[in-house]
Amino acid sequence: MLVLSRKVGEQIVIGDNIYITVVSIRGKQVRLGVTAPGCVRVHREEVYRQLDPAGVLPPEPCVPVAGAAGQPSPRTRSRPRVVRPAGRPCAR
């Protein structure tokens, strides 16, 4: 497991197109924003376990859209979306 320290407003980048942003820290609670292609499923662990209690959901294919940029737009990065509907093609 990789453990990183970040301050509010700082990011972690996974691959070329997934950004994790520290939105706020209040006591023991940390709010994270996730910016990722639409084909990447993002869930809290307890929600994911309810959706797939046996751990058998197949990975969803992620097919990039031709000509899509690698980094999210500034608007998307300022208001990260946390959960994406399944079945959409990658936008980045």
Protein backbone atom coordinates (compact mmCIF):
# COMPACT_ATOMS: atom_id res chain seq x y z
CA MET A 1 0.00 0.00 0.00
CA LEU A 2 1.29 3.43 -0.93
CA VAL A 3 0.64 6.02 1.81
CA LEU A 4 0.75 9.71 0.82
CA SER A 5 0.32 12.95 2.74
CA ARG A 6 -1.68 15.73 1.08
CA LYS A 7 -3.04 19.11 2.13
CA VAL A 8 -6.41 20.62 1.20
CA GLY A 9 -6.44 21.41 -2.53
CA GLU A 10 -3.59 19.04 -3.37
CA GLN A 11 -4.06 16.07 -5.68
CA ILE A 12 -2.96 12.51 -6.30
CA VAL A 13 -2.86 11.35 -9.92
CA ILE A 14 -3.52 7.70 -10.84
CA GLY A 15 -2.52 6.77 -14.37
CA ASP A 16 -3.13 9.50 -16.93
CA ASN A 17 -6.71 10.44 -16.16
CA ILE A 18 -7.76 9.81 -12.56
CA TYR A 19 -7.35 12.65 -10.05
CA ILE A 20 -8.01 12.43 -6.32
CA THR A 21 -8.32 15.87 -4.68
CA VAL A 22 -8.39 16.60 -0.95
CA VAL A 23 -11.45 18.87 -0.74
CA SER A 24 -11.56 19.45 3.03
CA ILE A 25 -10.41 18.09 6.37
CA ARG A 26 -12.58 18.45 9.49
CA GLY A 27 -11.36 16.60 12.55
CA LYS A 28 -11.13 12.92 11.63
CA GLN A 29 -13.16 13.31 8.42
CA VAL A 30 -11.46 13.87 5.06
CA ARG A 31 -13.54 14.81 1.99
CA LEU A 32 -12.08 13.62 -1.31
CA GLY A 33 -13.08 14.56 -4.84
CA VAL A 34 -12.57 12.06 -7.64
CA THR A 35 -12.25 13.08 -11.28
CA ALA A 36 -12.18 10.05 -13.59
CA PRO A 37 -13.46 8.90 -16.98
CA GLY A 38 -17.12 7.94 -17.06
CA CYS A 39 -16.27 4.28 -17.51
CA VAL A 40 -14.41 4.10 -14.19
CA ARG A 41 -16.70 3.01 -11.38
CA VAL A 42 -16.04 4.91 -8.14
CA HIS A 43 -17.79 3.82 -4.93
CA ARG A 44 -17.24 3.96 -1.20
CA GLU A 45 -16.14 0.52 -0.01
CA GLU A 46 -19.37 -0.21 1.87
CA VAL A 47 -21.47 0.65 -1.21
CA TYR A 48 -19.25 -1.47 -3.46
CA ARG A 49 -19.63 -4.47 -1.12
CA GLN A 50 -23.43 -4.10 -1.26
CA LEU A 51 -23.35 -3.98 -5.07
CA ASP A 52 -21.02 -6.98 -5.33
CA PRO A 53 -21.18 -9.01 -2.08
CA ALA A 54 -19.58 -12.09 -3.67
CA GLY A 55 -16.83 -10.12 -5.41
CA VAL A 56 -17.84 -11.41 -8.85
CA LEU A 57 -18.61 -8.25 -10.85
CA PRO A 58 -16.47 -8.32 -14.00
CA PRO A 59 -14.33 -5.25 -14.68
CA GLU A 60 -16.00 -2.79 -17.00
CA PRO A 61 -14.04 -2.16 -20.22
CA CYS A 62 -12.67 1.35 -20.56
CA VAL A 63 -12.42 2.40 -24.19
CA PRO A 64 -10.93 5.88 -24.70
CA VAL A 65 -12.73 8.28 -27.02
CA ALA A 66 -10.57 9.38 -29.95
CA GLY A 67 -9.08 12.85 -29.50
CA ALA A 68 -9.95 13.09 -25.81
CA ALA A 69 -7.58 15.07 -23.60
CA GLY A 70 -5.67 13.31 -20.82
CA GLN A 71 -6.37 15.85 -18.09
CA PRO A 72 -9.85 16.91 -16.97
CA SER A 73 -11.11 20.36 -17.78
CA PRO A 74 -10.68 23.08 -15.12
CA ARG A 75 -14.46 23.08 -14.50
CA THR A 76 -14.46 19.34 -13.81
CA ARG A 77 -11.46 19.60 -11.52
CA SER A 78 -13.05 22.38 -9.45
CA ARG A 79 -16.25 20.36 -8.91
CA PRO A 80 -15.22 16.69 -8.94
CA ARG A 81 -17.92 14.12 -9.52
CA VAL A 82 -17.70 11.17 -7.19
CA VAL A 83 -19.83 8.45 -8.80
CA ARG A 84 -20.20 7.76 -12.50
CA PRO A 85 -23.01 5.75 -14.11
CA ALA A 86 -21.79 2.49 -15.61
CA GLY A 87 -21.84 1.85 -19.34
CA ARG A 88 -20.63 5.22 -20.63
CA PRO A 89 -17.55 5.43 -22.87
CA CYS A 90 -14.43 7.09 -21.48
CA ALA A 91 -14.39 10.83 -22.08
CA ARG A 92 -10.68 11.21 -21.25
